[in-house]
Amino acid sequence: MKHAICNRSPQGLLITGIIGLLCLAGTTPWGRADESWAWRVVQRSVQAGHEVPHQGYRNVVVFRQGQKVAGFIQKVWQGSGGRQRVVIVEPAEQRGRIEVCDGRSRWEYYPRVRKVIVSDAAGEHRPNFAEMLAASGTSTRLRAIYLGDEHVAGRLAHIIQLTTPKGRPVSKLWIDGEKFVQLKVQRFCPHGEITYSAYFTTITYQPTFSPDLFTFTPPEGTRTIRVPPALPRMDLKQAEHQAGFSAKLPQYLPEGYQLEYNRVAVVRIRGQHVLWLPFSNGVDRFSLFQGPRGLDMRTGRQRLGEYWVAGPFSFALVGSLPEDEVQKIKKSIRK
């Protein structure tokens, strides 16, 4: 399982009228902390996280079945326009891993194996589903609940819980009450167990950026791997027409998850058309791949996951869902 060394939220969401709607800095929410207010705070944090310059140290912890399985200490520099540099300082075996984004390209450098992965960051400027929900301020799939305030890294933060309509936690955010940067984030699986936590231990909004901080030149002898450009997304009917077959959608989904009907893609694996069906609960995603029966899809980005055959099709499910949820989805796809 690959653990990214920084949060890859899409960059630079600009929303017309946001300043007029969100004159919240330096105010207290008591008496007006309704759901629309909470969504506006989340909305502001989406923008601030990539447009408010800051630097500091951040702890990242990954959990599986409620137990810690990995942890990192990072040094983070965040500039405007999606520019970012993240360096792992602990643990020792990961020390020196670097991720750099100049707003156009992203470099992920692994010093132990002398490898760098280069990708196009332009697609990250598109708002994801959670950001669109935040922009609208309302949702039938997620609720935003204000839980009070707490100090994180010496800053007073609003605590906002994102839940499904039935109240199951999806994500919990600690948002700087003045600068609106997300100081702490927690994510939860469909069972309600924590899967991810990231929090600043120190942060400053007067960062020091050297001229070359947001660029990266691989050391001599480094192997470079370039990630292909992002695939075009389309609605489900267009994708089915292009692939030449209809999608077999699961009859069961974990609470809060839905197919993103307008973000379907068609990929080619071993010369065959495969439907790429993304599902989201507004914060997390998993992908279902559907191709001709017998097609080996264990290649490239689809090396990890659950594979099976049903009727005339092969399927692959890729994502960080609990095993019992994966099996329920698998069994719900009718032949």
Protein backbone atom coordinates (compact mmCIF):
# COMPACT_ATOMS: atom_id res chain seq x y z
CA MET A 1 0.00 0.00 0.00
CA LYS A 2 1.44 3.38 -0.97
CA HIS A 3 1.21 6.23 1.51
CA ALA A 4 1.59 9.70 0.01
CA ILE A 5 3.78 12.08 1.96
CA CYS A 6 1.41 14.97 1.62
CA ASN A 7 -2.29 15.54 1.25
CA ARG A 8 -3.14 15.85 -2.41
CA SER A 9 -6.14 18.12 -2.20
CA PRO A 10 -6.79 19.93 -5.50
CA GLN A 11 -5.24 23.36 -5.58
CA GLY A 12 -6.42 26.93 -5.74
CA LEU A 13 -10.21 26.72 -5.60
CA LEU A 14 -11.49 30.23 -6.42
CA ILE A 15 -15.12 30.90 -5.70
CA THR A 16 -16.87 34.09 -6.75
CA GLY A 17 -18.05 36.09 -3.79
CA ILE A 18 -16.25 34.00 -1.18
CA ILE A 19 -14.86 36.99 0.68
CA GLY A 20 -18.27 38.59 0.97
CA LEU A 21 -19.77 35.37 2.25
CA LEU A 22 -16.97 34.57 4.65
CA CYS A 23 -16.01 37.57 6.74
CA LEU A 24 -15.37 35.17 9.60
CA ALA A 25 -11.79 35.79 10.65
CA GLY A 26 -11.41 36.77 14.26
CA THR A 27 -15.05 36.11 15.11
CA THR A 28 -16.63 33.50 17.34
CA PRO A 29 -19.35 31.21 16.02
CA TRP A 30 -21.60 30.96 19.08
CA GLY A 31 -25.20 31.69 18.24
CA ARG A 32 -24.71 31.14 14.51
CA ALA A 33 -22.87 27.82 14.21
CA ASP A 34 -25.51 26.22 12.04
CA GLU A 35 -24.73 23.82 9.19
CA SER A 36 -24.49 26.50 6.53
CA TRP A 37 -21.97 28.40 8.69
CA ALA A 38 -19.93 25.19 9.12
CA TRP A 39 -19.95 24.57 5.37
CA ARG A 40 -18.72 28.11 4.74
CA VAL A 41 -15.80 27.52 7.10
CA VAL A 42 -14.96 24.29 5.23
CA GLN A 43 -15.28 26.18 1.96
CA ARG A 44 -12.85 28.85 3.13
CA SER A 45 -10.38 26.20 4.32
CA VAL A 46 -10.27 24.58 0.88
CA GLN A 47 -8.98 27.83 -0.57
CA ALA A 48 -6.76 28.80 2.35
CA GLY A 49 -4.91 25.48 2.45
CA HIS A 50 -3.29 26.24 -0.89
CA GLU A 51 -3.33 30.03 -1.04
CA VAL A 52 -2.24 31.08 2.46
CA PRO A 53 1.57 30.73 2.71
CA HIS A 54 2.74 28.78 5.75
CA GLN A 55 5.37 26.35 6.95
CA GLY A 56 5.70 23.96 9.85
CA TYR A 57 6.04 20.40 11.06
CA ARG A 58 3.23 17.89 10.60
CA ASN A 59 2.66 14.39 11.96
CA VAL A 60 0.91 11.89 9.69
CA VAL A 61 -0.43 8.56 10.96
CA VAL A 62 -2.06 5.78 8.91
CA PHE A 63 -4.34 3.22 10.58
CA ARG A 64 -5.75 -0.14 9.56
CA GLN A 65 -8.62 -1.65 11.57
CA GLY A 66 -8.09 1.04 14.16
CA GLN A 67 -4.40 0.20 14.66
CA LYS A 68 -1.47 2.39 13.64
CA VAL A 69 0.45 0.87 10.71
CA ALA A 70 2.63 3.79 9.58
CA GLY A 71 3.68 7.21 10.76
CA PHE A 72 5.71 10.14 9.43
CA ILE A 73 6.99 13.49 10.62
CA GLN A 74 7.09 15.98 7.77
CA LYS A 75 8.44 19.47 7.27
CA VAL A 76 5.98 21.40 5.11
CA TRP A 77 6.34 24.59 3.10
CA GLN A 78 3.15 25.79 1.40
CA GLY A 79 3.19 28.68 -1.05
CA SER A 80 0.40 30.28 -3.06
CA GLY A 81 -0.80 28.83 -6.36
CA GLY A 82 -0.50 25.25 -5.17
CA ARG A 83 3.27 25.41 -4.69
CA GLN A 84 4.44 23.02 -2.01
CA ARG A 85 7.48 21.22 -0.64
CA VAL A 86 7.18 18.34 1.84
CA VAL A 87 10.18 16.50 3.29
CA ILE A 88 10.02 13.46 5.58
CA VAL A 89 12.30 13.87 8.59
CA GLU A 90 11.21 10.76 10.51
CA PRO A 91 11.36 7.74 10.55
CA ALA A 92 15.02 7.25 9.66
CA GLU A 93 14.32 4.72 6.89
CA GLN A 94 12.09 7.26 5.11
CA ARG A 95 14.22 10.31 5.82
CA GLY A 96 14.90 12.44 2.77
CA ARG A 97 11.79 11.55 0.81
CA ILE A 98 10.70 14.74 -0.91
CA GLU A 99 7.59 15.86 -2.70
CA VAL A 100 7.70 19.17 -4.57
CA CYS A 101 5.04 20.95 -6.62
CA ASP A 102 5.59 24.20 -8.51
CA GLY A 103 1.90 24.48 -9.45
CA ARG A 104 2.44 22.80 -12.84
CA SER A 105 4.56 19.71 -12.19
CA ARG A 106 4.98 17.42 -9.20
CA TRP A 107 8.11 15.48 -8.24
CA GLU A 108 8.17 12.58 -5.76
CA TYR A 109 11.75 11.63 -4.88
CA TYR A 110 12.71 8.36 -3.15
CA PRO A 111 16.40 8.60 -2.19
CA ARG A 112 16.86 4.99 -1.02
CA VAL A 113 16.03 3.65 -4.48
CA ARG A 114 17.17 6.78 -6.38
CA LYS A 115 13.83 7.16 -8.14
CA VAL A 116 11.71 10.21 -8.96
CA ILE A 117 8.09 10.14 -10.16
CA VAL A 118 7.06 13.17 -12.22
CA SER A 119 3.40 14.01 -12.82
CA ASP A 120 1.28 16.85 -14.15
CA ALA A 121 -0.22 18.92 -11.35
CA ALA A 122 -2.56 20.88 -13.65
CA GLY A 123 -5.45 18.47 -13.09
CA GLU A 124 -5.25 19.10 -9.35
CA HIS A 125 -6.69 22.58 -9.92
CA ARG A 126 -10.08 21.03 -10.68
CA PRO A 127 -12.30 21.04 -7.57
CA ASN A 128 -13.12 17.59 -6.24
CA PHE A 129 -16.54 16.55 -5.01
CA ALA A 130 -15.92 17.64 -1.42
CA GLU A 131 -14.95 21.09 -2.64
CA MET A 132 -18.07 21.37 -4.76
CA LEU A 133 -20.14 20.43 -1.72
CA ALA A 134 -18.34 23.08 0.28
CA ALA A 135 -18.95 25.63 -2.45
CA SER A 136 -22.69 25.00 -2.37
CA GLY A 137 -22.74 25.03 1.41
CA THR A 138 -25.32 22.25 1.56
CA SER A 139 -25.37 18.55 0.86
CA THR A 140 -27.76 15.61 0.88
CA ARG A 141 -24.77 13.24 1.15
CA LEU A 142 -22.71 14.88 3.89
CA ARG A 143 -23.50 17.00 6.91
CA ALA A 144 -21.16 19.58 8.45
CA ILE A 145 -21.45 19.87 12.23
CA TYR A 146 -19.65 22.45 14.38
CA LEU A 147 -18.22 20.81 17.52
CA GLY A 148 -16.56 23.75 19.26
CA ASP A 149 -12.96 24.89 19.26
CA GLU A 150 -9.56 23.64 20.40
CA HIS A 151 -5.93 24.70 20.23
CA VAL A 152 -3.75 22.94 17.64
CA ALA A 153 -0.09 23.94 17.20
CA GLY A 154 -0.77 26.98 19.35
CA ARG A 155 -3.65 28.19 17.17
CA LEU A 156 -7.35 28.30 18.07
CA ALA A 157 -9.21 26.07 15.62
CA HIS A 158 -12.87 25.47 14.76
CA ILE A 159 -13.70 21.76 14.94
CA ILE A 160 -16.06 20.59 12.19
CA GLN A 161 -17.25 17.02 11.71
CA LEU A 162 -18.37 15.79 8.28
CA THR A 163 -20.83 12.91 8.59
CA THR A 164 -23.23 10.90 6.48
CA PRO A 165 -26.92 11.83 6.81
CA LYS A 166 -27.23 8.99 9.35
CA GLY A 167 -24.45 10.43 11.46
CA ARG A 168 -21.51 8.14 10.62
CA PRO A 169 -18.24 10.15 10.74
CA VAL A 170 -16.44 10.62 7.42
CA SER A 171 -13.90 13.31 8.29
CA LYS A 172 -13.09 15.65 11.14
CA LEU A 173 -11.38 19.00 10.57
CA TRP A 174 -9.63 21.46 12.86
CA ILE A 175 -9.60 24.77 10.93
CA ASP A 176 -7.57 27.79 11.99
CA GLY A 177 -10.08 30.35 13.25
CA GLU A 178 -8.14 33.27 11.73
CA LYS A 179 -6.26 31.92 8.70
CA PHE A 180 -8.64 29.04 7.88
CA VAL A 181 -5.83 26.57 7.14
CA GLN A 182 -6.66 22.98 8.13
CA LEU A 183 -4.42 22.36 11.13
CA LYS A 184 -5.59 18.81 11.74
CA VAL A 185 -7.52 16.25 9.69
CA GLN A 186 -8.93 12.83 10.53
CA ARG A 187 -10.63 10.40 8.14
CA PHE A 188 -12.80 7.40 8.94
CA CYS A 189 -13.71 4.15 7.17
CA PRO A 190 -17.34 2.99 6.65
CA HIS A 191 -17.15 1.19 10.03
CA GLY A 192 -16.39 4.48 11.76
CA GLU A 193 -12.76 3.52 12.54
CA ILE A 194 -10.06 6.12 11.99
CA THR A 195 -7.91 5.48 8.89
CA TYR A 196 -5.78 8.63 8.65
CA SER A 197 -4.67 11.51 10.84
CA ALA A 198 -2.49 14.52 9.98
CA TYR A 199 -1.81 17.44 12.32
CA PHE A 200 0.60 20.31 12.60
CA THR A 201 2.74 20.41 15.73
CA THR A 202 4.19 23.82 14.78
CA ILE A 203 3.09 26.31 12.13
CA THR A 204 3.98 29.87 11.10
CA TYR A 205 2.31 32.18 8.63
CA GLN A 206 5.52 34.14 8.07
CA PRO A 207 7.39 31.44 6.14
CA THR A 208 10.86 31.72 4.63
CA PHE A 209 11.02 30.55 1.00
CA SER A 210 14.32 30.27 -0.87
CA PRO A 211 14.16 31.04 -4.63
CA ASP A 212 14.49 27.36 -5.62
CA LEU A 213 12.30 25.88 -2.87
CA PHE A 214 9.45 24.88 -5.18
CA THR A 215 11.58 23.34 -7.92
CA PHE A 216 13.41 20.02 -8.00
CA THR A 217 16.38 18.75 -9.98
CA PRO A 218 16.91 15.00 -9.56
CA PRO A 219 20.42 13.99 -8.47
CA GLU A 220 22.61 12.41 -11.12
CA GLY A 221 21.86 8.73 -11.60
CA THR A 222 18.22 9.05 -10.52
CA ARG A 223 15.70 6.97 -12.47
CA THR A 224 12.81 9.13 -13.71
CA ILE A 225 9.30 7.74 -14.11
CA ARG A 226 6.75 9.97 -15.84
CA VAL A 227 3.06 9.50 -15.05
CA PRO A 228 0.83 9.68 -18.16
CA PRO A 229 -1.56 12.65 -18.40
CA ALA A 230 -4.90 12.27 -16.67
CA LEU A 231 -7.56 10.48 -18.68
CA PRO A 232 -10.53 12.50 -19.98
CA ARG A 233 -13.63 12.12 -17.82
CA MET A 234 -17.14 11.84 -19.21
CA ASP A 235 -20.65 10.86 -18.18
CA LEU A 236 -21.58 7.20 -17.82
CA LYS A 237 -23.54 6.93 -21.08
CA GLN A 238 -20.66 8.37 -23.11
CA ALA A 239 -18.23 5.99 -21.45
CA GLU A 240 -20.46 2.97 -22.10
CA HIS A 241 -20.75 3.96 -25.76
CA GLN A 242 -16.99 4.33 -26.08
CA ALA A 243 -16.26 1.04 -24.28
CA GLY A 244 -18.90 -0.87 -26.26
CA PHE A 245 -20.70 -2.38 -23.26
CA SER A 246 -22.92 -1.32 -20.34
CA ALA A 247 -21.71 -0.90 -16.78
CA LYS A 248 -22.65 -3.47 -14.15
CA LEU A 249 -23.18 -1.31 -11.08
CA PRO A 250 -23.14 -2.72 -7.54
CA GLN A 251 -26.47 -2.97 -5.77
CA TYR A 252 -24.70 -2.38 -2.45
CA LEU A 253 -22.48 0.55 -1.51
CA PRO A 254 -21.11 1.62 1.89
CA GLU A 255 -23.19 4.38 3.46
CA GLY A 256 -22.64 7.74 1.79
CA TYR A 257 -20.92 6.42 -1.35
CA GLN A 258 -22.32 7.07 -4.82
CA LEU A 259 -21.09 6.69 -8.38
CA GLU A 260 -19.66 9.94 -9.75
CA TYR A 261 -21.68 9.67 -12.97
CA ASN A 262 -19.91 12.55 -14.71
CA ARG A 263 -16.35 11.43 -13.89
CA VAL A 264 -16.28 8.02 -15.58
CA ALA A 265 -13.30 7.17 -17.82
CA VAL A 266 -12.40 4.52 -20.38
CA VAL A 267 -8.93 3.01 -20.10
CA ARG A 268 -7.14 0.55 -22.36
CA ILE A 269 -5.51 -2.46 -20.72
CA ARG A 270 -3.74 -4.97 -22.96
CA GLY A 271 -5.55 -3.48 -25.93
CA GLN A 272 -9.04 -3.87 -24.40
CA HIS A 273 -11.49 -1.16 -23.34
CA VAL A 274 -12.14 -1.04 -19.59
CA LEU A 275 -14.66 1.15 -17.73
CA TRP A 276 -13.22 3.09 -14.82
CA LEU A 277 -16.09 3.79 -12.40
CA PRO A 278 -15.24 6.15 -9.49
CA PHE A 279 -17.31 6.10 -6.29
CA SER A 280 -17.09 8.76 -3.58
CA ASN A 281 -18.61 9.68 -0.23
CA GLY A 282 -17.50 13.28 -0.72
CA VAL A 283 -14.13 12.79 0.99
CA ASP A 284 -12.78 9.34 0.10
CA ARG A 285 -12.99 7.30 -3.11
CA PHE A 286 -12.70 3.81 -4.46
CA SER A 287 -12.63 2.68 -8.09
CA LEU A 288 -14.33 -0.22 -9.85
CA PHE A 289 -12.82 -1.38 -13.16
CA GLN A 290 -14.92 -3.48 -15.56
CA GLY A 291 -13.52 -5.19 -18.64
CA PRO A 292 -14.02 -8.29 -20.83
CA ARG A 293 -13.99 -11.67 -19.10
CA GLY A 294 -10.50 -13.11 -18.79
CA LEU A 295 -8.71 -9.77 -19.11
CA ASP A 296 -5.77 -9.54 -16.70
CA MET A 297 -6.05 -6.05 -15.20
CA ARG A 298 -3.18 -6.49 -12.74
CA THR A 299 -0.92 -4.00 -14.42
CA GLY A 300 0.17 -0.41 -13.91
CA ARG A 301 -1.95 1.46 -11.37
CA GLN A 302 -4.26 -1.53 -10.86
CA ARG A 303 -1.72 -3.91 -9.30
CA LEU A 304 -3.41 -3.85 -5.91
CA GLY A 305 -7.04 -4.66 -5.29
CA GLU A 306 -9.73 -7.33 -5.43
CA TYR A 307 -10.23 -9.20 -8.72
CA TRP A 308 -13.09 -11.45 -9.81
CA VAL A 309 -15.20 -12.60 -12.76
CA ALA A 310 -18.98 -12.31 -13.04
CA GLY A 311 -20.77 -13.33 -16.23
CA PRO A 312 -19.02 -11.96 -19.33
CA PHE A 313 -16.92 -9.45 -17.39
CA SER A 314 -13.81 -9.18 -15.25
CA PHE A 315 -13.78 -6.73 -12.35
CA ALA A 316 -11.19 -5.03 -10.18
CA LEU A 317 -11.94 -2.95 -7.08
CA VAL A 318 -9.19 -0.62 -5.87
CA GLY A 319 -9.48 1.47 -2.72
CA SER A 320 -8.98 1.54 1.03
CA LEU A 321 -12.24 -0.10 2.12
CA PRO A 322 -12.60 -2.72 4.89
CA GLU A 323 -12.51 -6.27 3.53
CA ASP A 324 -16.12 -7.07 4.48
CA GLU A 325 -17.31 -3.97 2.58
CA VAL A 326 -15.33 -5.06 -0.48
CA GLN A 327 -16.96 -8.49 -0.35
CA LYS A 328 -20.45 -6.98 -0.03
CA ILE A 329 -19.86 -4.81 -3.09
CA LYS A 330 -18.46 -7.77 -4.99
CA LYS A 331 -21.46 -10.00 -4.19
CA SER A 332 -23.94 -7.27 -5.11
CA ILE A 333 -22.86 -7.04 -8.75
CA ARG A 334 -25.31 -9.14 -10.68
CA LYS A 335 -24.18 -11.35 -13.50
